[in-house]
């Protein structure tokens, strides 16, 4: 195959899995640690920041819980875990501090049912469903 040389003004068209002959100028096959931005061009991916360990003995997370996140705005971001026994724990993403969770119902049965439903294989109308792991 002959070498093809061309000038590409920017790489802000994103990633495409199409064959090279169908890509528009500015699309790439793979992009590692970069973010295409239409106003600033191609940027390096921002680094992650270690805030706190969630399993260091003081912020005890469980090994078999389900994780989720809650993003309200720039100043209020949380990560949470539901343990198999229904206990819900939340941590502040900005400080790593564990937050108090108030359960107005007074029990965690609905969370235990959640784990029963999503950790076992389900049968419904003759079809069997298994959770993704």
N, C-alpha and C. Protein backbone atom coordinates (compact mmCIF):
# COMPACT_ATOMS: atom_id res chain seq x y z
N UNK A 1 0.85 -1.17 0.00
CA UNK A 1 0.00 0.00 0.00
C UNK A 1 0.89 1.23 0.00
N UNK A 2 0.58 2.20 -0.80
CA UNK A 2 1.37 3.43 -0.91
C UNK A 2 1.08 4.35 0.27
N UNK A 3 2.08 5.11 0.66
CA UNK A 3 1.90 6.10 1.72
C UNK A 3 1.07 7.26 1.20
N UNK A 4 0.17 7.74 2.05
CA UNK A 4 -0.66 8.89 1.70
C UNK A 4 -0.32 10.00 2.68
N UNK A 5 -0.01 11.16 2.14
CA UNK A 5 0.31 12.31 2.98
C UNK A 5 -0.76 13.36 2.78
N UNK A 6 -1.31 13.87 3.87
CA UNK A 6 -2.31 14.92 3.77
C UNK A 6 -2.21 15.82 4.98
N UNK A 7 -2.71 17.02 4.86
CA UNK A 7 -2.74 17.96 5.97
C UNK A 7 -4.14 17.95 6.56
N UNK A 8 -4.22 17.72 7.86
CA UNK A 8 -5.50 17.71 8.57
C UNK A 8 -5.50 18.91 9.50
N UNK A 9 -6.45 19.83 9.35
CA UNK A 9 -6.43 21.05 10.14
C UNK A 9 -6.61 20.82 11.64
N UNK A 10 -7.40 19.83 12.04
CA UNK A 10 -7.59 19.53 13.46
C UNK A 10 -8.10 18.11 13.61
N UNK A 11 -8.06 17.62 14.83
CA UNK A 11 -8.53 16.26 15.12
C UNK A 11 -9.73 16.32 16.05
N UNK A 12 -10.69 17.14 15.71
CA UNK A 12 -11.83 17.34 16.59
C UNK A 12 -13.09 16.62 16.12
N UNK A 13 -12.98 15.76 15.13
CA UNK A 13 -14.16 15.05 14.61
C UNK A 13 -14.45 13.76 15.39
N UNK A 14 -13.59 13.41 16.35
CA UNK A 14 -13.86 12.26 17.19
C UNK A 14 -13.33 10.95 16.64
N UNK A 15 -13.79 9.87 17.26
CA UNK A 15 -13.35 8.52 16.91
C UNK A 15 -14.39 7.87 16.01
N UNK A 16 -13.91 7.16 14.99
CA UNK A 16 -14.81 6.48 14.07
C UNK A 16 -14.28 5.07 13.83
N UNK A 17 -15.20 4.11 13.77
CA UNK A 17 -14.82 2.73 13.47
C UNK A 17 -14.99 2.41 11.99
N UNK A 18 -15.33 3.39 11.21
CA UNK A 18 -15.49 3.18 9.78
C UNK A 18 -14.13 2.92 9.13
N UNK A 19 -14.11 2.29 7.97
CA UNK A 19 -12.85 2.16 7.23
C UNK A 19 -12.30 3.54 6.88
N UNK A 20 -10.99 3.62 6.69
CA UNK A 20 -10.33 4.91 6.45
C UNK A 20 -10.93 5.67 5.27
N UNK A 21 -11.34 4.97 4.24
CA UNK A 21 -11.85 5.68 3.06
C UNK A 21 -13.19 6.37 3.31
N UNK A 22 -13.89 6.01 4.40
CA UNK A 22 -15.17 6.63 4.71
C UNK A 22 -15.07 7.71 5.79
N UNK A 23 -13.93 7.83 6.43
CA UNK A 23 -13.76 8.83 7.49
C UNK A 23 -13.62 10.22 6.89
N UNK A 24 -14.17 11.20 7.60
CA UNK A 24 -13.98 12.59 7.20
C UNK A 24 -12.67 13.08 7.81
N UNK A 25 -12.04 14.08 7.21
CA UNK A 25 -10.79 14.60 7.79
C UNK A 25 -11.02 15.08 9.22
N UNK A 26 -10.18 14.65 10.10
CA UNK A 26 -10.30 14.99 11.51
C UNK A 26 -10.78 13.84 12.38
N UNK A 27 -11.26 12.74 11.79
CA UNK A 27 -11.65 11.56 12.55
C UNK A 27 -10.46 10.64 12.70
N UNK A 28 -10.39 9.94 13.81
CA UNK A 28 -9.30 9.01 14.08
C UNK A 28 -9.86 7.65 14.44
N UNK A 29 -9.01 6.61 14.35
CA UNK A 29 -9.43 5.25 14.71
C UNK A 29 -9.35 5.00 16.20
N UNK A 30 -8.41 5.65 16.87
CA UNK A 30 -8.20 5.44 18.30
C UNK A 30 -7.65 6.72 18.90
N UNK A 31 -8.04 7.01 20.13
CA UNK A 31 -7.56 8.20 20.81
C UNK A 31 -7.33 7.82 22.27
N UNK A 32 -6.10 7.89 22.71
CA UNK A 32 -5.75 7.51 24.07
C UNK A 32 -5.36 8.75 24.86
N UNK A 33 -6.01 8.94 26.00
CA UNK A 33 -5.72 10.04 26.92
C UNK A 33 -5.82 11.41 26.25
N UNK A 34 -6.82 11.59 25.41
CA UNK A 34 -7.02 12.87 24.75
C UNK A 34 -8.52 13.15 24.64
N UNK A 35 -8.86 14.44 24.57
CA UNK A 35 -10.24 14.87 24.41
C UNK A 35 -10.32 15.85 23.26
N UNK A 36 -11.11 15.54 22.22
CA UNK A 36 -11.27 16.51 21.15
C UNK A 36 -12.24 17.61 21.57
N UNK A 37 -11.85 18.86 21.40
CA UNK A 37 -12.68 20.00 21.77
C UNK A 37 -12.74 20.95 20.58
N UNK A 38 -13.91 21.32 20.18
CA UNK A 38 -14.08 22.14 18.99
C UNK A 38 -13.50 23.55 19.17
N UNK A 39 -13.46 24.06 20.40
CA UNK A 39 -12.95 25.42 20.63
C UNK A 39 -11.47 25.45 20.96
N UNK A 40 -10.95 24.41 21.61
CA UNK A 40 -9.55 24.42 22.04
C UNK A 40 -8.68 23.40 21.31
N UNK A 41 -9.27 22.63 20.42
CA UNK A 41 -8.50 21.63 19.69
C UNK A 41 -8.38 20.34 20.49
N UNK A 42 -7.32 19.60 20.25
CA UNK A 42 -7.10 18.32 20.93
C UNK A 42 -6.41 18.57 22.27
N UNK A 43 -7.03 18.13 23.35
CA UNK A 43 -6.51 18.36 24.70
C UNK A 43 -6.09 17.06 25.36
N UNK A 44 -5.14 17.14 26.28
CA UNK A 44 -4.78 15.97 27.09
C UNK A 44 -5.91 15.71 28.08
N UNK A 45 -6.17 14.43 28.34
CA UNK A 45 -7.20 14.06 29.32
C UNK A 45 -6.76 14.53 30.70
N UNK A 46 -7.66 15.17 31.45
CA UNK A 46 -7.28 15.60 32.80
C UNK A 46 -6.95 14.40 33.69
N UNK A 47 -6.01 14.58 34.56
CA UNK A 47 -5.59 13.50 35.45
C UNK A 47 -6.63 13.25 36.54
N UNK A 48 -6.64 12.03 37.06
CA UNK A 48 -7.48 11.73 38.20
C UNK A 48 -6.81 12.19 39.48
N UNK A 49 -7.58 12.34 40.53
CA UNK A 49 -7.04 12.80 41.81
C UNK A 49 -7.48 11.83 42.90
N UNK A 50 -6.50 11.25 43.61
CA UNK A 50 -6.81 10.35 44.72
C UNK A 50 -7.30 11.19 45.89
N UNK A 51 -8.50 10.93 46.36
CA UNK A 51 -9.07 11.70 47.46
C UNK A 51 -8.98 10.92 48.76
N UNK A 52 -9.46 9.67 48.77
CA UNK A 52 -9.42 8.86 49.98
C UNK A 52 -9.69 7.41 49.63
N UNK A 53 -9.22 6.52 50.48
CA UNK A 53 -9.51 5.10 50.32
C UNK A 53 -10.85 4.79 50.97
N UNK A 54 -11.64 3.98 50.30
CA UNK A 54 -12.94 3.62 50.86
C UNK A 54 -12.90 2.28 51.57
N UNK A 55 -11.71 1.69 51.69
CA UNK A 55 -11.60 0.41 52.37
C UNK A 55 -10.37 0.39 53.29
N UNK A 56 -10.12 1.48 53.97
CA UNK A 56 -8.92 1.57 54.80
C UNK A 56 -9.18 1.27 56.27
N UNK A 57 -10.36 0.80 56.61
CA UNK A 57 -10.67 0.50 58.00
C UNK A 57 -11.57 1.53 58.63
N UNK A 58 -11.51 2.77 58.17
CA UNK A 58 -12.40 3.80 58.71
C UNK A 58 -13.59 4.02 57.81
N UNK A 59 -13.41 3.90 56.51
CA UNK A 59 -14.50 4.03 55.54
C UNK A 59 -14.79 2.65 54.97
N UNK A 60 -15.31 1.75 55.76
CA UNK A 60 -15.43 0.37 55.34
C UNK A 60 -16.49 0.18 54.26
N UNK A 61 -16.03 -0.12 53.07
CA UNK A 61 -16.93 -0.55 52.01
C UNK A 61 -16.90 -2.07 51.99
N UNK A 62 -17.92 -2.69 51.39
CA UNK A 62 -17.95 -4.14 51.33
C UNK A 62 -17.44 -4.60 49.97
N UNK A 63 -16.94 -5.81 49.91
CA UNK A 63 -16.37 -6.32 48.67
C UNK A 63 -17.43 -6.78 47.68
N UNK A 64 -18.64 -7.04 48.14
CA UNK A 64 -19.66 -7.58 47.25
C UNK A 64 -20.87 -6.66 47.11
N UNK A 65 -20.69 -5.37 47.33
CA UNK A 65 -21.79 -4.43 47.18
C UNK A 65 -21.89 -3.91 45.75
N UNK A 66 -22.93 -3.16 45.50
CA UNK A 66 -23.15 -2.53 44.20
C UNK A 66 -22.87 -1.03 44.34
N UNK A 67 -22.10 -0.49 43.38
CA UNK A 67 -21.68 0.91 43.42
C UNK A 67 -22.54 1.77 42.51
N UNK A 68 -22.72 3.03 42.88
CA UNK A 68 -23.42 4.00 42.04
C UNK A 68 -22.87 5.38 42.36
N UNK A 69 -23.19 6.34 41.53
CA UNK A 69 -22.75 7.71 41.78
C UNK A 69 -23.94 8.65 41.74
N UNK A 70 -23.79 9.77 42.41
CA UNK A 70 -24.81 10.82 42.41
C UNK A 70 -24.09 12.14 42.18
N UNK A 71 -24.36 12.76 41.04
CA UNK A 71 -23.73 14.03 40.68
C UNK A 71 -24.81 15.08 40.61
N UNK A 72 -24.79 16.01 41.57
CA UNK A 72 -25.78 17.08 41.57
C UNK A 72 -25.24 18.31 40.86
N UNK A 73 -24.05 18.75 41.25
CA UNK A 73 -23.38 19.88 40.59
C UNK A 73 -21.90 19.80 40.93
N UNK A 74 -21.13 20.82 40.59
CA UNK A 74 -19.69 20.82 40.83
C UNK A 74 -19.33 20.68 42.31
N UNK A 75 -20.19 21.16 43.19
CA UNK A 75 -19.89 21.16 44.63
C UNK A 75 -20.52 20.01 45.39
N UNK A 76 -21.40 19.27 44.75
CA UNK A 76 -22.08 18.18 45.44
C UNK A 76 -22.05 16.92 44.58
N UNK A 77 -21.04 16.06 44.87
CA UNK A 77 -20.84 14.83 44.12
C UNK A 77 -20.60 13.71 45.12
N UNK A 78 -21.28 12.59 44.92
CA UNK A 78 -21.17 11.48 45.87
C UNK A 78 -20.96 10.18 45.12
N UNK A 79 -20.38 9.22 45.84
CA UNK A 79 -20.32 7.84 45.37
C UNK A 79 -20.94 7.01 46.49
N UNK A 80 -21.74 6.01 46.10
CA UNK A 80 -22.44 5.23 47.09
C UNK A 80 -22.30 3.74 46.85
N UNK A 81 -22.60 2.97 47.90
CA UNK A 81 -22.56 1.51 47.79
C UNK A 81 -23.73 0.94 48.57
N UNK A 82 -24.40 -0.04 47.94
CA UNK A 82 -25.46 -0.79 48.61
C UNK A 82 -24.91 -2.17 48.89
N UNK A 83 -24.80 -2.53 50.16
CA UNK A 83 -24.29 -3.85 50.54
C UNK A 83 -25.40 -4.88 50.36
N UNK A 84 -25.04 -6.15 50.35
CA UNK A 84 -26.03 -7.21 50.14
C UNK A 84 -27.05 -7.29 51.27
N UNK A 85 -26.70 -6.80 52.45
CA UNK A 85 -27.66 -6.81 53.55
C UNK A 85 -28.55 -5.57 53.53
N UNK A 86 -28.42 -4.72 52.50
CA UNK A 86 -29.29 -3.56 52.35
C UNK A 86 -28.74 -2.28 52.94
N UNK A 87 -27.57 -2.32 53.55
CA UNK A 87 -26.99 -1.12 54.15
C UNK A 87 -26.46 -0.21 53.05
N UNK A 88 -26.87 1.05 53.10
CA UNK A 88 -26.47 2.04 52.12
C UNK A 88 -25.43 2.96 52.72
N UNK A 89 -24.30 3.14 52.02
CA UNK A 89 -23.25 4.06 52.47
C UNK A 89 -22.95 5.04 51.35
N UNK A 90 -22.65 6.28 51.73
CA UNK A 90 -22.35 7.34 50.77
C UNK A 90 -21.07 8.05 51.20
N UNK A 91 -20.27 8.45 50.19
CA UNK A 91 -19.04 9.21 50.44
C UNK A 91 -19.03 10.45 49.56
N UNK A 92 -18.49 11.53 50.10
CA UNK A 92 -18.33 12.77 49.35
C UNK A 92 -17.15 12.61 48.40
N UNK A 93 -17.34 12.86 47.11
CA UNK A 93 -16.26 12.69 46.14
C UNK A 93 -15.18 13.75 46.29
N UNK A 94 -15.51 14.91 46.81
CA UNK A 94 -14.54 15.99 46.92
C UNK A 94 -13.65 15.86 48.14
N UNK A 95 -14.16 15.24 49.23
CA UNK A 95 -13.38 15.13 50.46
C UNK A 95 -13.08 13.68 50.85
N UNK A 96 -13.87 12.73 50.38
CA UNK A 96 -13.71 11.33 50.76
C UNK A 96 -14.39 10.99 52.07
N UNK A 97 -15.05 11.97 52.69
CA UNK A 97 -15.70 11.75 53.99
C UNK A 97 -16.99 10.95 53.80
N UNK A 98 -17.23 10.02 54.73
CA UNK A 98 -18.47 9.26 54.69
C UNK A 98 -19.62 10.15 55.16
N UNK A 99 -20.75 10.05 54.48
CA UNK A 99 -21.92 10.87 54.80
C UNK A 99 -22.96 10.03 55.52
N UNK A 100 -23.74 10.67 56.36
CA UNK A 100 -24.82 9.99 57.05
C UNK A 100 -26.00 9.84 56.11
N UNK A 101 -26.55 8.63 56.04
CA UNK A 101 -27.71 8.36 55.21
C UNK A 101 -28.91 8.20 56.12
N UNK A 102 -29.94 9.01 55.89
CA UNK A 102 -31.15 8.97 56.69
C UNK A 102 -32.18 8.14 55.95
N UNK A 103 -32.66 7.10 56.61
CA UNK A 103 -33.65 6.21 56.03
C UNK A 103 -35.00 6.54 56.67
N UNK A 104 -35.84 7.27 55.96
CA UNK A 104 -37.13 7.69 56.51
C UNK A 104 -38.09 6.53 56.67
N UNK A 105 -37.88 5.43 55.95
CA UNK A 105 -38.76 4.27 56.04
C UNK A 105 -38.50 3.51 57.33
N UNK A 106 -37.25 3.48 57.77
CA UNK A 106 -36.91 2.79 59.00
C UNK A 106 -36.41 1.37 58.80
N UNK A 107 -36.39 0.88 57.58
CA UNK A 107 -35.83 -0.44 57.31
C UNK A 107 -35.14 -0.44 55.95
N UNK A 108 -34.39 -1.49 55.69
CA UNK A 108 -33.67 -1.61 54.43
C UNK A 108 -34.18 -2.78 53.60
N UNK A 109 -35.40 -3.24 53.86
CA UNK A 109 -35.92 -4.41 53.15
C UNK A 109 -35.98 -4.20 51.64
N UNK A 110 -36.33 -2.99 51.23
CA UNK A 110 -36.44 -2.76 49.79
C UNK A 110 -35.08 -2.89 49.11
N UNK A 111 -33.99 -2.58 49.81
CA UNK A 111 -32.66 -2.74 49.23
C UNK A 111 -32.24 -4.21 49.22
N UNK A 112 -32.66 -4.99 50.21
CA UNK A 112 -32.38 -6.42 50.20
C UNK A 112 -33.10 -7.09 49.03
N UNK A 113 -34.32 -6.65 48.74
CA UNK A 113 -35.06 -7.19 47.60
C UNK A 113 -34.35 -6.84 46.30
N UNK A 114 -33.80 -5.63 46.22
CA UNK A 114 -33.02 -5.21 45.05
C UNK A 114 -31.89 -6.20 44.80
N UNK A 115 -31.16 -6.57 45.86
CA UNK A 115 -30.05 -7.51 45.67
C UNK A 115 -30.54 -8.90 45.31
N UNK A 116 -31.64 -9.32 45.89
CA UNK A 116 -32.19 -10.62 45.53
C UNK A 116 -32.53 -10.65 44.05
N UNK A 117 -33.15 -9.60 43.56
CA UNK A 117 -33.57 -9.56 42.16
C UNK A 117 -32.40 -9.49 41.19
N UNK A 118 -31.35 -8.74 41.55
CA UNK A 118 -30.29 -8.49 40.59
C UNK A 118 -29.03 -9.32 40.83
N UNK A 119 -29.01 -10.18 41.82
CA UNK A 119 -27.83 -11.02 42.02
C UNK A 119 -28.12 -12.48 41.72
N UNK A 120 -29.36 -12.81 41.49
CA UNK A 120 -29.74 -14.18 41.15
C UNK A 120 -30.29 -14.21 39.72
N UNK A 121 -30.30 -15.40 39.14
CA UNK A 121 -30.89 -15.55 37.81
C UNK A 121 -32.41 -15.47 37.96
N UNK A 122 -33.05 -14.75 37.06
CA UNK A 122 -34.49 -14.57 37.12
C UNK A 122 -35.15 -15.36 35.99
N UNK A 123 -36.35 -15.86 36.25
CA UNK A 123 -37.14 -16.50 35.21
C UNK A 123 -38.44 -15.72 35.08
N UNK A 124 -38.77 -15.39 33.84
CA UNK A 124 -39.98 -14.63 33.58
C UNK A 124 -40.56 -15.10 32.26
N UNK A 125 -41.75 -15.63 32.29
CA UNK A 125 -42.41 -16.15 31.08
C UNK A 125 -41.52 -17.14 30.32
N UNK A 126 -40.85 -18.00 31.03
CA UNK A 126 -40.04 -19.02 30.40
C UNK A 126 -38.66 -18.57 29.96
N UNK A 127 -38.36 -17.27 30.09
CA UNK A 127 -37.04 -16.74 29.71
C UNK A 127 -36.19 -16.60 30.96
N UNK A 128 -34.92 -16.90 30.86
CA UNK A 128 -34.03 -16.78 32.00
C UNK A 128 -33.09 -15.59 31.80
N UNK A 129 -32.99 -14.76 32.82
CA UNK A 129 -32.14 -13.58 32.77
C UNK A 129 -31.07 -13.70 33.82
N UNK A 130 -29.86 -13.30 33.49
CA UNK A 130 -28.75 -13.31 34.46
C UNK A 130 -28.16 -11.91 34.50
N UNK A 131 -27.71 -11.47 35.68
CA UNK A 131 -27.13 -10.13 35.78
C UNK A 131 -25.77 -10.08 35.10
N UNK A 132 -25.38 -8.88 34.66
CA UNK A 132 -24.05 -8.69 34.10
C UNK A 132 -23.05 -8.61 35.22
N UNK A 133 -21.90 -9.24 35.06
CA UNK A 133 -20.86 -9.17 36.08
C UNK A 133 -19.62 -8.54 35.50
